[in-house]
Amino acid sequence: MKQATKNFLRPNSLDFSHFRGDLYGGLTAAVVALPLALAFGVASGAGPMAGLYGAICVGLFASLFGGTPSQISGPTGPMTIVSASVFTQFAGEPAIAFTVVMLAGAFQILFGYMRLGRFVNLMPYPVISGFLTGVGCILIIMQLDPLLGYEAQMSVVNALTVLPRDLIQPNFQALIIGFAAFMIVMFVPNRLTRILPAPLLALLFCTLLAQWLSNAPTIAGIPSGLPQWQIPSIDFSKLNEMLIFAAVLAALGSIDSLLTSLVADNMTRTYHHSDKELVGQGMGNLLAGVAGGIPGAGATIRTLANIHAGGRTPVSGIMHAAVLLLVAVGLGPLVATVPYAALAGILIKVGIDVIDWRFIKRLHRAPRTDMVLMLIVLGLTIFVNVITAVGVGVVLASLVFVKEMAEVQISAIKTINEPDNEAVFDTQTAELFRKHRDQLMFLHLSGLISFGAANELTRRFAVVGDYEVLIIDLLDVPRVDGSAALALEEVISRAAEEGKHIIIVGMTFHVARLLGRLGILDQVRESAKYGNRREAILAAVDYLVAGTPLPR
């Protein structure tokens, strides 16, 4: 445990062998992040500088201590919505609001130490595919308004609502700039991208073009200033509310970040460290609260912009934070002339690349459940939100999996009363069993038995007949869960009530421990437990033939 803690707290080793790609990636991500950070800061109610310093702190520390090398972190839409509730709830008490942000960071660090990050890796591919394609569609839809020269909307529904109006009266200068940026990132020759990445080349060219086409909206109006440091403050009369808000922010930020980590893995063919990522995000949010910034998470758009511009290591995230810091302390005019349409053209290309075309091409040949699951997650991602989409997708996928596993488990539940079912016996034991078939009931289970098969287990084994001895064979069962254990108790209880003798064969340590803890084995004497099938059959036959007593 001490070693794990030490590894979590150790900063990532910085690899400068990919410095040029990381430099370009960080610069591109910073330009994309700047207007978003300012907008999210305003939307949260904490002000534009809070958004900027949130992006700096979370971006820097998540890169230094996180587990996703190419990820860019900062304020995101879901985190901003909850942050707005925090700053509204504690209006007039900014110290308490920022303390909530610090607590959220502390919770995320705790999540990392509790190894909760691993559960995101259990997500089935149709859910990931629907999520990726949905994110790509959102990127494209949300950038159509800036491409046409209008202000970006805060949701897909709003963007689609105003799109017909914007299409009728586009800003043709912005449209030209956006189209130029899109064409550059789409078709620039590879020999040029080795010198300057296509996204950065598009930004430079379109910024110069905007000097001529001066009617296209630009970032402009960038504030500057040093952070207002916050001292933690706790009002014990409001502690319950503070902890609830902090837990919600921590959970939301963790899920948001780990989903973006999956996107980064998909784009770079790498694998992130989920628990370390949570610790890095937590440290970033903790410091963001101290610096008067709003909380953040792994940001999908900025991460993809970084990857497409060449960023691959934590150096790119550090460069992104450094550029934003320079902007915050007074160098904002250097990027104030970047047109929004150029960013839109670049991000539309990113959105096209994010869409999971590989799975879409095979969708008509995929299993129907996978196809339906992917489409549900896609629709919810676009029109509701990512967290809901993934949550619903995982629940539905789990239900499908449980159903399929239950069918497998049910097929492994057998009542041995026909010669074809006697493969579990050796030749001599099978012969012995056949002679006393009418007086023995041999119930055989195999594989993992869980709640999905519990009802069928009770129904199948609730056999009423003239047999005298019930033998329950658990030799091939490595584990049972609580529901299956209680179903076994029902079988044993019914047999005991009918005066049957009960023998249990071959419990593993895990099975015996669970059945013992639940008191299920209290109805079975220790002398009625056997290690193999032959011993159990011989004991039962001795009782039936010679009258050798069997314990009840």
Protein backbone atom coordinates (compact mmCIF):
# COMPACT_ATOMS: atom_id res chain seq x y z
CA MET A 1 0.00 0.00 0.00
CA LYS A 2 2.84 2.37 0.82
CA GLN A 3 4.46 1.62 -2.52
CA ALA A 4 1.18 2.29 -4.37
CA THR A 5 0.78 5.61 -2.55
CA LYS A 6 4.32 6.58 -3.38
CA ASN A 7 3.77 5.80 -7.08
CA PHE A 8 0.56 7.83 -7.16
CA LEU A 9 2.25 10.89 -5.68
CA ARG A 10 5.28 10.68 -7.96
CA PRO A 11 5.10 13.11 -10.92
CA ASN A 12 5.16 11.61 -14.40
CA SER A 13 8.60 11.38 -15.97
CA LEU A 14 8.73 13.86 -18.84
CA ASP A 15 9.79 12.53 -22.23
CA PHE A 16 11.12 15.29 -24.48
CA SER A 17 11.86 12.99 -27.42
CA HIS A 18 8.49 14.00 -28.90
CA PHE A 19 8.88 17.65 -27.97
CA ARG A 20 7.97 19.22 -31.31
CA GLY A 21 4.67 17.34 -31.54
CA ASP A 22 3.92 18.09 -27.89
CA LEU A 23 4.76 21.77 -28.39
CA TYR A 24 2.43 22.10 -31.37
CA GLY A 25 -0.24 20.05 -29.65
CA GLY A 26 -0.08 22.17 -26.50
CA LEU A 27 -0.25 25.43 -28.48
CA THR A 28 -3.24 24.24 -30.50
CA ALA A 29 -5.05 22.92 -27.43
CA ALA A 30 -4.43 26.21 -25.60
CA VAL A 31 -5.95 28.25 -28.43
CA VAL A 32 -8.97 25.95 -28.47
CA ALA A 33 -9.20 25.97 -24.67
CA LEU A 34 -8.94 29.74 -24.18
CA PRO A 35 -12.41 30.83 -25.34
CA LEU A 36 -14.00 27.75 -23.75
CA ALA A 37 -12.34 28.39 -20.38
CA LEU A 38 -13.46 32.03 -20.38
CA ALA A 39 -17.01 31.08 -21.39
CA PHE A 40 -17.26 28.35 -18.77
CA GLY A 41 -15.97 30.74 -16.12
CA VAL A 42 -18.70 33.24 -16.94
CA ALA A 43 -21.35 30.50 -17.09
CA SER A 44 -20.34 29.20 -13.64
CA GLY A 45 -20.91 32.60 -12.05
CA ALA A 46 -17.32 32.82 -10.80
CA GLY A 47 -16.08 35.03 -13.66
CA PRO A 48 -13.85 34.55 -16.72
CA MET A 49 -10.58 34.52 -14.76
CA ALA A 50 -11.90 31.66 -12.61
CA GLY A 51 -12.40 29.66 -15.81
CA LEU A 52 -8.91 30.54 -17.02
CA TYR A 53 -7.16 29.59 -13.79
CA GLY A 54 -9.26 26.45 -13.54
CA ALA A 55 -7.94 25.44 -16.96
CA ILE A 56 -4.36 26.26 -15.93
CA CYS A 57 -4.38 24.38 -12.61
CA VAL A 58 -6.32 21.30 -13.69
CA GLY A 59 -4.48 21.16 -17.02
CA LEU A 60 -1.06 21.37 -15.38
CA PHE A 61 -1.48 18.98 -12.45
CA ALA A 62 -3.54 16.41 -14.36
CA SER A 63 -0.69 16.23 -16.87
CA LEU A 64 2.02 16.08 -14.20
CA PHE A 65 0.34 13.45 -12.02
CA GLY A 66 -2.37 11.89 -14.22
CA GLY A 67 -2.46 8.60 -16.05
CA THR A 68 -3.39 9.64 -19.61
CA PRO A 69 -0.31 11.04 -21.37
CA SER A 70 -2.06 12.95 -24.18
CA GLN A 71 -5.05 14.21 -22.22
CA ILE A 72 -5.79 17.93 -21.87
CA SER A 73 -7.88 18.88 -18.85
CA GLY A 74 -9.85 21.96 -17.89
CA PRO A 75 -13.38 23.24 -17.29
CA THR A 76 -16.05 21.21 -19.10
CA GLY A 77 -19.77 21.62 -19.71
CA PRO A 78 -21.04 19.10 -17.11
CA MET A 79 -18.63 20.36 -14.44
CA THR A 80 -19.60 23.98 -15.17
CA ILE A 81 -23.30 23.22 -14.73
CA VAL A 82 -22.72 21.79 -11.25
CA SER A 83 -20.25 24.57 -10.44
CA ALA A 84 -22.93 27.15 -11.27
CA SER A 85 -25.19 25.48 -8.68
CA VAL A 86 -22.37 25.65 -6.12
CA PHE A 87 -21.69 29.36 -6.67
CA THR A 88 -25.44 30.07 -6.63
CA GLN A 89 -25.96 28.08 -3.43
CA PHE A 90 -23.09 29.87 -1.68
CA ALA A 91 -23.59 33.29 -3.29
CA GLY A 92 -21.78 35.93 -1.28
CA GLU A 93 -19.52 33.28 0.27
CA PRO A 94 -16.88 32.61 -2.42
CA ALA A 95 -14.46 31.12 0.13
CA ILE A 96 -16.95 28.34 0.91
CA ALA A 97 -17.70 27.77 -2.79
CA PHE A 98 -14.02 27.38 -3.61
CA THR A 99 -13.60 25.12 -0.56
CA VAL A 100 -16.20 22.84 -2.17
CA VAL A 101 -13.97 22.72 -5.26
CA MET A 102 -11.01 21.77 -3.04
CA LEU A 103 -13.06 19.04 -1.33
CA ALA A 104 -14.08 17.67 -4.73
CA GLY A 105 -10.40 17.36 -5.61
CA ALA A 106 -9.70 15.59 -2.32
CA PHE A 107 -12.54 13.13 -3.03
CA GLN A 108 -11.07 12.36 -6.47
CA ILE A 109 -7.68 11.63 -4.93
CA LEU A 110 -9.45 9.29 -2.51
CA PHE A 111 -11.25 7.60 -5.45
CA GLY A 112 -7.87 6.95 -7.03
CA TYR A 113 -6.44 5.39 -3.87
CA MET A 114 -9.58 3.25 -3.57
CA ARG A 115 -8.87 1.89 -7.08
CA LEU A 116 -12.28 2.90 -8.39
CA GLY A 117 -10.93 3.95 -11.78
CA ARG A 118 -10.61 0.37 -13.01
CA PHE A 119 -14.37 0.02 -13.43
CA VAL A 120 -14.39 2.24 -16.52
CA ASN A 121 -12.41 -0.49 -18.30
CA LEU A 122 -15.40 -2.82 -17.98
CA MET A 123 -17.35 -0.76 -20.52
CA PRO A 124 -18.47 -2.84 -23.55
CA TYR A 125 -17.35 -1.75 -27.01
CA PRO A 126 -20.83 -0.84 -28.40
CA VAL A 127 -21.12 1.71 -25.57
CA ILE A 128 -17.66 3.10 -26.34
CA SER A 129 -18.50 3.21 -30.06
CA GLY A 130 -21.79 5.04 -29.46
CA PHE A 131 -20.03 7.45 -27.12
CA LEU A 132 -17.21 8.16 -29.59
CA THR A 133 -19.56 8.65 -32.53
CA GLY A 134 -21.82 10.83 -30.40
CA VAL A 135 -18.89 13.03 -29.35
CA GLY A 136 -17.87 13.36 -33.01
CA CYS A 137 -21.41 14.38 -34.01
CA ILE A 138 -21.58 16.89 -31.15
CA LEU A 139 -18.28 18.43 -32.25
CA ILE A 140 -19.57 18.86 -35.79
CA ILE A 141 -23.02 20.19 -34.82
CA MET A 142 -21.70 22.61 -32.19
CA GLN A 143 -19.20 24.14 -34.62
CA LEU A 144 -21.67 24.83 -37.44
CA ASP A 145 -22.82 28.14 -35.92
CA PRO A 146 -19.27 29.53 -35.45
CA LEU A 147 -18.47 28.32 -38.97
CA LEU A 148 -21.33 30.47 -40.26
CA GLY A 149 -20.14 33.48 -38.27
CA TYR A 150 -22.47 33.23 -35.28
CA GLU A 151 -21.97 32.67 -31.57
CA ALA A 152 -21.56 29.06 -30.44
CA GLN A 153 -24.55 27.61 -28.61
CA MET A 154 -24.35 25.86 -25.25
CA SER A 155 -26.21 22.70 -26.30
CA VAL A 156 -26.85 20.55 -29.36
CA VAL A 157 -30.59 21.24 -29.25
CA ASN A 158 -30.01 25.01 -29.22
CA ALA A 159 -27.46 24.70 -32.04
CA LEU A 160 -29.90 22.74 -34.22
CA THR A 161 -32.71 25.18 -33.37
CA VAL A 162 -30.87 28.28 -34.62
CA LEU A 163 -29.08 26.51 -37.49
CA PRO A 164 -31.83 27.12 -40.13
CA ARG A 165 -31.74 30.84 -39.39
CA ASP A 166 -27.94 30.93 -39.60
CA LEU A 167 -27.95 29.01 -42.87
CA ILE A 168 -30.26 31.59 -44.46
CA GLN A 169 -28.05 34.52 -43.43
CA PRO A 170 -24.46 33.31 -43.07
CA ASN A 171 -21.45 35.52 -42.48
CA PHE A 172 -19.67 34.74 -45.75
CA GLN A 173 -16.30 36.04 -44.54
CA ALA A 174 -16.40 33.68 -41.53
CA LEU A 175 -17.57 30.87 -43.81
CA ILE A 176 -14.60 31.43 -46.13
CA ILE A 177 -12.18 31.37 -43.19
CA GLY A 178 -13.75 28.24 -41.71
CA PHE A 179 -13.79 26.46 -45.06
CA ALA A 180 -10.13 27.37 -45.60
CA ALA A 181 -9.20 25.96 -42.17
CA PHE A 182 -11.14 22.76 -42.88
CA MET A 183 -9.48 22.28 -46.28
CA ILE A 184 -6.02 22.82 -44.79
CA VAL A 185 -6.45 20.21 -42.03
CA MET A 186 -8.14 17.84 -44.48
CA PHE A 187 -5.81 18.00 -47.47
CA VAL A 188 -2.47 19.55 -46.46
CA PRO A 189 0.37 17.28 -47.74
CA ASN A 190 2.19 15.09 -45.24
CA ARG A 191 5.54 16.64 -46.09
CA LEU A 192 4.28 19.98 -44.72
CA THR A 193 2.79 18.51 -41.55
CA ARG A 194 6.22 17.16 -40.60
CA ILE A 195 7.33 20.78 -40.29
CA LEU A 196 4.14 22.34 -38.94
CA PRO A 197 1.01 20.37 -37.89
CA ALA A 198 -2.05 20.98 -40.02
CA PRO A 199 -4.19 22.50 -37.19
CA LEU A 200 -1.50 25.03 -36.28
CA LEU A 201 -0.89 25.81 -39.95
CA ALA A 202 -4.63 26.41 -40.38
CA LEU A 203 -4.72 28.73 -37.34
CA LEU A 204 -1.79 30.81 -38.61
CA PHE A 205 -3.08 31.08 -42.19
CA CYS A 206 -6.66 31.87 -41.15
CA THR A 207 -5.55 34.43 -38.56
CA LEU A 208 -3.69 36.27 -41.34
CA LEU A 209 -6.70 35.85 -43.64
CA ALA A 210 -8.92 37.39 -40.95
CA GLN A 211 -6.86 40.57 -41.12
CA TRP A 212 -8.14 40.98 -44.67
CA LEU A 213 -11.63 39.58 -44.04
CA SER A 214 -12.13 41.78 -40.99
CA ASN A 215 -15.84 41.08 -40.52
CA ALA A 216 -15.25 37.57 -39.13
CA PRO A 217 -15.65 37.30 -35.30
CA THR A 218 -12.42 36.71 -33.35
CA ILE A 219 -11.65 35.61 -29.80
CA ALA A 220 -10.81 39.18 -28.64
CA GLY A 221 -11.67 40.62 -25.20
CA ILE A 222 -9.26 38.41 -23.22
CA PRO A 223 -8.93 39.47 -19.55
CA SER A 224 -5.68 39.17 -17.60
CA GLY A 225 -4.58 39.24 -13.97
CA LEU A 226 -3.06 37.18 -11.16
CA PRO A 227 -5.14 34.61 -9.29
CA GLN A 228 -6.98 35.51 -6.10
CA TRP A 229 -5.77 32.88 -3.65
CA GLN A 230 -8.46 31.27 -1.53
CA ILE A 231 -8.07 30.03 2.04
CA PRO A 232 -10.22 26.97 2.85
CA SER A 233 -13.29 27.92 4.84
CA ILE A 234 -15.88 25.57 6.36
CA ASP A 235 -19.25 26.59 7.76
CA PHE A 236 -20.25 23.59 9.87
CA SER A 237 -23.91 24.54 9.60
CA LYS A 238 -23.57 24.02 5.83
CA LEU A 239 -21.10 21.14 5.92
CA ASN A 240 -23.65 18.59 4.71
CA GLU A 241 -24.43 20.67 1.61
CA MET A 242 -20.73 21.26 0.97
CA LEU A 243 -19.93 17.55 1.10
CA ILE A 244 -22.84 16.63 -1.19
CA PHE A 245 -21.81 19.19 -3.82
CA ALA A 246 -18.16 18.10 -3.52
CA ALA A 247 -19.07 14.42 -3.96
CA VAL A 248 -21.20 15.21 -7.03
CA LEU A 249 -18.41 17.27 -8.59
CA ALA A 250 -15.87 14.54 -7.81
CA ALA A 251 -17.99 11.74 -9.28
CA LEU A 252 -18.91 13.75 -12.37
CA GLY A 253 -15.33 14.90 -12.96
CA SER A 254 -14.00 11.37 -12.53
CA ILE A 255 -16.44 9.86 -15.02
CA ASP A 256 -15.93 12.72 -17.47
CA SER A 257 -12.14 12.37 -17.29
CA LEU A 258 -12.04 8.60 -17.64
CA LEU A 259 -14.38 8.68 -20.64
CA THR A 260 -12.06 11.19 -22.30
CA SER A 261 -9.17 8.88 -21.42
CA LEU A 262 -10.91 6.13 -23.41
CA VAL A 263 -11.21 8.50 -26.37
CA ALA A 264 -7.50 9.34 -26.10
CA ASP A 265 -6.64 5.63 -25.95
CA ASN A 266 -8.70 5.00 -29.06
CA MET A 267 -6.97 7.79 -30.99
CA THR A 268 -3.39 7.06 -29.89
CA ARG A 269 -3.58 3.24 -29.52
CA THR A 270 -2.34 3.52 -25.94
CA TYR A 271 -3.71 2.53 -22.51
CA HIS A 272 -4.27 4.94 -19.65
CA HIS A 273 -3.88 4.32 -15.91
CA SER A 274 -7.36 5.02 -14.53
CA ASP A 275 -6.55 5.30 -10.82
CA LYS A 276 -3.52 7.51 -11.41
CA GLU A 277 -5.65 9.71 -13.67
CA LEU A 278 -8.14 10.24 -10.84
CA VAL A 279 -5.34 11.28 -8.50
CA GLY A 280 -3.99 13.75 -11.08
CA GLN A 281 -7.45 15.21 -11.71
CA GLY A 282 -8.02 15.48 -7.96
CA MET A 283 -4.76 17.34 -7.39
CA GLY A 284 -5.65 19.70 -10.24
CA ASN A 285 -9.09 20.49 -8.82
CA LEU A 286 -7.67 20.88 -5.32
CA LEU A 287 -5.21 23.49 -6.56
CA ALA A 288 -7.84 25.10 -8.78
CA GLY A 289 -9.92 25.80 -5.68
CA VAL A 290 -6.90 27.33 -3.94
CA ALA A 291 -6.22 29.57 -6.98
CA GLY A 292 -9.84 30.70 -7.24
CA GLY A 293 -10.54 28.60 -10.33
CA ILE A 294 -13.54 26.49 -11.24
CA PRO A 295 -13.20 22.69 -11.30
CA GLY A 296 -12.45 20.75 -14.46
CA ALA A 297 -11.97 17.32 -15.94
CA GLY A 298 -10.50 15.63 -18.99
CA ALA A 299 -11.76 17.76 -21.89
CA THR A 300 -12.60 15.75 -25.00
CA ILE A 301 -12.41 18.58 -27.56
CA ARG A 302 -9.08 19.90 -26.28
CA THR A 303 -7.64 16.41 -25.96
CA LEU A 304 -8.54 15.59 -29.55
CA ALA A 305 -7.16 18.91 -30.79
CA ASN A 306 -3.91 18.12 -28.97
CA ILE A 307 -3.65 14.63 -30.44
CA HIS A 308 -4.41 15.79 -33.98
CA ALA A 309 -1.72 18.48 -33.69
CA GLY A 310 0.89 15.91 -32.59
CA GLY A 311 0.68 15.87 -28.78
CA ARG A 312 1.44 12.49 -27.24
CA THR A 313 3.03 12.96 -23.79
CA PRO A 314 2.31 14.98 -20.61
CA VAL A 315 4.61 17.69 -21.99
CA SER A 316 1.77 18.75 -24.29
CA GLY A 317 -0.57 19.29 -21.32
CA ILE A 318 2.13 21.27 -19.52
CA MET A 319 2.67 23.42 -22.63
CA HIS A 320 -1.10 24.01 -22.86
CA ALA A 321 -1.18 25.21 -19.23
CA ALA A 322 1.94 27.37 -19.73
CA VAL A 323 0.44 29.14 -22.76
CA LEU A 324 -2.77 29.85 -20.85
CA LEU A 325 -0.73 31.18 -17.93
CA LEU A 326 1.12 33.55 -20.26
CA VAL A 327 -2.22 34.73 -21.61
CA ALA A 328 -3.50 35.24 -18.06
CA VAL A 329 -0.55 37.45 -17.08
CA GLY A 330 -0.85 39.75 -20.08
CA LEU A 331 -0.06 38.10 -23.44
CA GLY A 332 -3.69 37.73 -24.48
CA PRO A 333 -3.41 40.08 -27.50
CA LEU A 334 -1.23 37.48 -29.25
CA VAL A 335 -4.21 35.14 -29.65
CA ALA A 336 -7.02 37.70 -29.58
CA THR A 337 -7.05 37.90 -33.39
CA VAL A 338 -7.71 34.17 -33.95
CA PRO A 339 -11.10 33.85 -35.71
CA TYR A 340 -13.73 31.53 -34.25
CA ALA A 341 -14.47 30.18 -37.72
CA ALA A 342 -10.91 28.85 -38.02
CA LEU A 343 -11.34 26.93 -34.77
CA ALA A 344 -14.69 25.65 -36.09
CA GLY A 345 -13.13 24.35 -39.32
CA ILE A 346 -10.41 22.52 -37.38
CA LEU A 347 -12.82 20.99 -34.86
CA ILE A 348 -15.23 19.79 -37.56
CA LYS A 349 -12.36 17.78 -39.03
CA VAL A 350 -11.58 16.46 -35.53
CA GLY A 351 -15.23 15.45 -35.15
CA ILE A 352 -15.17 13.54 -38.43
CA ASP A 353 -12.08 11.64 -37.29
CA VAL A 354 -13.55 10.79 -33.88
CA ILE A 355 -16.64 9.08 -35.33
CA ASP A 356 -16.17 5.32 -35.08
CA TRP A 357 -16.39 4.58 -38.81
CA ARG A 358 -14.93 1.10 -38.28
CA PHE A 359 -17.92 -0.04 -36.24
CA ILE A 360 -20.45 1.91 -38.31
CA LYS A 361 -19.34 0.10 -41.48
CA ARG A 362 -20.02 -3.24 -39.76
CA LEU A 363 -23.17 -2.16 -37.93
CA HIS A 364 -25.51 -4.06 -40.25
CA ARG A 365 -23.55 -7.26 -39.59
CA ALA A 366 -23.18 -6.80 -35.83
CA PRO A 367 -25.43 -8.66 -33.35
CA ARG A 368 -28.78 -6.92 -33.02
CA THR A 369 -28.25 -6.17 -29.33
CA ASP A 370 -24.91 -4.48 -30.08
CA MET A 371 -26.48 -2.42 -32.87
CA VAL A 372 -29.39 -1.27 -30.69
CA LEU A 373 -27.08 -0.52 -27.76
CA MET A 374 -24.74 1.55 -29.91
CA LEU A 375 -27.62 3.58 -31.40
CA ILE A 376 -29.18 4.23 -27.98
CA VAL A 377 -25.87 5.49 -26.57
CA LEU A 378 -25.32 7.58 -29.71
CA GLY A 379 -28.71 9.26 -29.43
CA LEU A 380 -28.41 9.93 -25.69
CA THR A 381 -24.88 11.31 -26.12
CA ILE A 382 -26.04 13.81 -28.74
CA PHE A 383 -29.37 14.90 -27.29
CA VAL A 384 -29.05 14.37 -23.51
CA ASN A 385 -25.48 14.18 -22.16
CA VAL A 386 -22.48 11.90 -22.12
CA ILE A 387 -22.83 10.77 -18.51
CA THR A 388 -26.46 9.68 -18.95
CA ALA A 389 -25.64 7.98 -22.26
CA VAL A 390 -22.81 5.93 -20.81
CA GLY A 391 -24.76 5.12 -17.65
CA VAL A 392 -27.77 3.87 -19.58
CA GLY A 393 -25.51 2.00 -22.01
CA VAL A 394 -23.62 0.21 -19.25
CA VAL A 395 -26.86 -0.76 -17.46
CA LEU A 396 -28.44 -2.11 -20.66
CA ALA A 397 -25.25 -3.96 -21.61
CA SER A 398 -25.10 -5.44 -18.11
CA LEU A 399 -28.69 -6.65 -18.35
CA VAL A 400 -28.00 -8.28 -21.71
CA PHE A 401 -24.87 -9.89 -20.30
CA VAL A 402 -26.71 -11.17 -17.23
CA LYS A 403 -29.43 -12.65 -19.45
CA GLU A 404 -26.87 -14.43 -21.63
CA MET A 405 -24.87 -15.67 -18.66
CA ALA A 406 -28.05 -16.84 -16.95
CA GLU A 407 -28.88 -18.93 -20.02
CA VAL A 408 -25.40 -20.47 -19.90
CA GLN A 409 -25.70 -21.13 -16.17
CA ILE A 410 -29.18 -22.62 -16.51
CA SER A 411 -27.90 -24.98 -19.19
CA ALA A 412 -25.29 -26.18 -16.68
CA ILE A 413 -27.93 -27.13 -14.09
CA LYS A 414 -28.74 -30.83 -14.55
CA THR A 415 -30.69 -33.51 -12.79
CA ILE A 416 -28.82 -36.75 -13.43
CA ASN A 417 -31.55 -39.24 -14.20
CA GLU A 418 -30.76 -40.32 -17.75
CA PRO A 419 -27.71 -42.25 -19.04
CA ASP A 420 -26.80 -39.36 -21.35
CA ASN A 421 -26.27 -37.12 -18.35
CA GLU A 422 -23.88 -39.47 -16.58
CA ALA A 423 -20.67 -38.17 -18.15
CA VAL A 424 -19.70 -36.71 -14.77
CA PHE A 425 -19.23 -40.24 -13.40
CA ASP A 426 -16.46 -42.73 -14.04
CA THR A 427 -17.57 -46.11 -15.44
CA GLN A 428 -17.89 -47.95 -12.12
CA THR A 429 -19.70 -45.07 -10.39
CA ALA A 430 -22.09 -44.71 -13.33
CA GLU A 431 -22.93 -48.41 -13.16
CA LEU A 432 -23.52 -48.19 -9.43
CA PHE A 433 -25.75 -45.14 -9.89
CA ARG A 434 -27.88 -46.87 -12.56
CA LYS A 435 -28.74 -49.72 -10.20
CA HIS A 436 -30.21 -47.31 -7.66
CA ARG A 437 -31.50 -44.57 -9.95
CA ASP A 438 -35.04 -44.68 -8.53
CA GLN A 439 -33.84 -44.05 -4.98
CA LEU A 440 -31.19 -41.39 -5.70
CA MET A 441 -31.54 -37.83 -6.93
CA PHE A 442 -28.20 -36.48 -8.18
CA LEU A 443 -28.25 -32.71 -8.82
CA HIS A 444 -25.22 -31.46 -10.77
CA LEU A 445 -24.10 -27.83 -11.14
CA SER A 446 -21.10 -26.49 -13.00
CA GLY A 447 -19.46 -23.14 -13.57
CA LEU A 448 -20.19 -19.85 -11.83
CA ILE A 449 -23.75 -19.83 -10.45
CA SER A 450 -25.17 -16.34 -9.81
CA PHE A 451 -28.44 -14.49 -9.27
CA GLY A 452 -29.34 -14.79 -12.96
CA ALA A 453 -29.93 -18.51 -12.53
CA ALA A 454 -31.21 -18.50 -8.93
CA ASN A 455 -34.92 -18.78 -9.75
CA GLU A 456 -34.34 -21.53 -12.28
CA LEU A 457 -32.14 -23.31 -9.75
CA THR A 458 -34.96 -23.37 -7.21
CA ARG A 459 -37.54 -24.46 -9.78
CA ARG A 460 -35.41 -27.15 -11.36
CA PHE A 461 -34.32 -28.70 -8.06
CA ALA A 462 -37.65 -28.50 -6.29
CA VAL A 463 -38.24 -32.13 -7.28
CA VAL A 464 -40.85 -34.12 -5.39
CA GLY A 465 -40.50 -37.84 -5.86
CA ASP A 466 -39.91 -41.21 -4.23
CA TYR A 467 -36.13 -40.86 -3.98
CA GLU A 468 -34.59 -41.21 -0.54
CA VAL A 469 -31.21 -39.52 -0.93
CA LEU A 470 -30.51 -36.09 -2.48
CA ILE A 471 -26.90 -35.59 -3.64
CA ILE A 472 -25.95 -31.99 -4.56
CA ASP A 473 -22.79 -31.94 -6.69
CA LEU A 474 -20.81 -28.66 -6.40
CA LEU A 475 -17.50 -30.12 -7.50
CA ASP A 476 -17.40 -28.03 -10.71
CA VAL A 477 -18.68 -24.78 -9.13
CA PRO A 478 -15.85 -22.33 -8.35
CA ARG A 479 -18.13 -19.64 -6.88
CA VAL A 480 -21.75 -18.84 -6.08
CA ASP A 481 -23.24 -15.46 -5.16
CA GLY A 482 -25.69 -14.74 -2.34
CA SER A 483 -28.81 -15.24 -4.48
CA ALA A 484 -27.67 -18.64 -5.73
CA ALA A 485 -26.67 -19.62 -2.20
CA LEU A 486 -30.16 -18.83 -0.90
CA ALA A 487 -31.63 -20.81 -3.81
CA LEU A 488 -29.53 -23.78 -2.69
CA GLU A 489 -30.87 -23.29 0.83
CA GLU A 490 -34.42 -23.52 -0.56
CA VAL A 491 -33.56 -26.83 -2.29
CA ILE A 492 -31.99 -28.26 0.87
CA SER A 493 -34.85 -27.08 3.09
CA ARG A 494 -37.53 -28.64 0.88
CA ALA A 495 -35.68 -31.95 0.78
CA ALA A 496 -35.22 -31.91 4.56
CA GLU A 497 -38.91 -31.16 5.13
CA GLU A 498 -39.80 -34.19 2.98
CA GLY A 499 -37.53 -36.42 5.07
CA LYS A 500 -34.83 -36.86 2.41
CA HIS A 501 -31.21 -37.53 3.29
CA ILE A 502 -28.87 -34.82 1.94
CA ILE A 503 -25.28 -35.23 0.75
CA ILE A 504 -23.08 -32.43 -0.63
CA VAL A 505 -20.12 -33.13 -2.90
CA GLY A 506 -17.00 -31.07 -3.50
CA MET A 507 -17.35 -27.52 -2.19
CA THR A 508 -14.49 -25.14 -2.98
CA PHE A 509 -13.19 -22.88 -0.23
CA HIS A 510 -15.12 -19.86 -1.56
CA VAL A 511 -18.39 -21.79 -1.87
CA ALA A 512 -18.04 -23.40 1.56
CA ARG A 513 -17.20 -20.07 3.20
CA LEU A 514 -20.25 -18.29 1.76
CA LEU A 515 -22.66 -21.13 2.51
CA GLY A 516 -21.25 -21.40 6.01
CA ARG A 517 -21.49 -17.65 6.70
CA LEU A 518 -25.13 -17.63 5.58
CA GLY A 519 -25.92 -20.63 7.80
CA ILE A 520 -27.00 -22.76 4.87
CA LEU A 521 -24.77 -25.68 5.85
CA ASP A 522 -26.39 -25.91 9.29
CA GLN A 523 -28.90 -28.34 7.78
CA VAL A 524 -26.14 -30.64 6.49
CA ARG A 525 -23.99 -32.65 8.90
CA GLU A 526 -20.24 -32.55 8.45
CA SER A 527 -20.23 -36.33 7.83
CA ALA A 528 -22.55 -35.79 4.85
CA LYS A 529 -19.97 -33.77 2.92
CA TYR A 530 -17.73 -35.65 0.50
CA GLY A 531 -14.77 -34.65 -1.61
CA ASN A 532 -15.68 -36.65 -4.73
CA ARG A 533 -18.71 -38.18 -6.44
CA ARG A 534 -17.69 -41.83 -5.97
CA GLU A 535 -17.49 -41.50 -2.18
CA ALA A 536 -20.89 -39.84 -2.10
CA ILE A 537 -22.54 -42.51 -4.29
CA LEU A 538 -20.95 -45.31 -2.25
CA ALA A 539 -22.21 -43.79 1.02
CA ALA A 540 -25.71 -43.43 -0.42
CA VAL A 541 -25.75 -47.01 -1.76
CA ASP A 542 -24.48 -48.38 1.56
CA TYR A 543 -27.44 -46.73 3.22
CA LEU A 544 -29.93 -47.97 0.63
CA VAL A 545 -28.61 -51.57 0.54
CA ALA A 546 -27.20 -52.26 3.99
CA GLY A 547 -29.08 -49.65 5.99
CA THR A 548 -25.91 -47.84 7.02
CA PRO A 549 -27.19 -44.68 8.75
CA LEU A 550 -26.86 -41.35 6.93
CA PRO A 551 -27.01 -38.08 8.83
CA ARG A 552 -30.02 -35.91 8.20
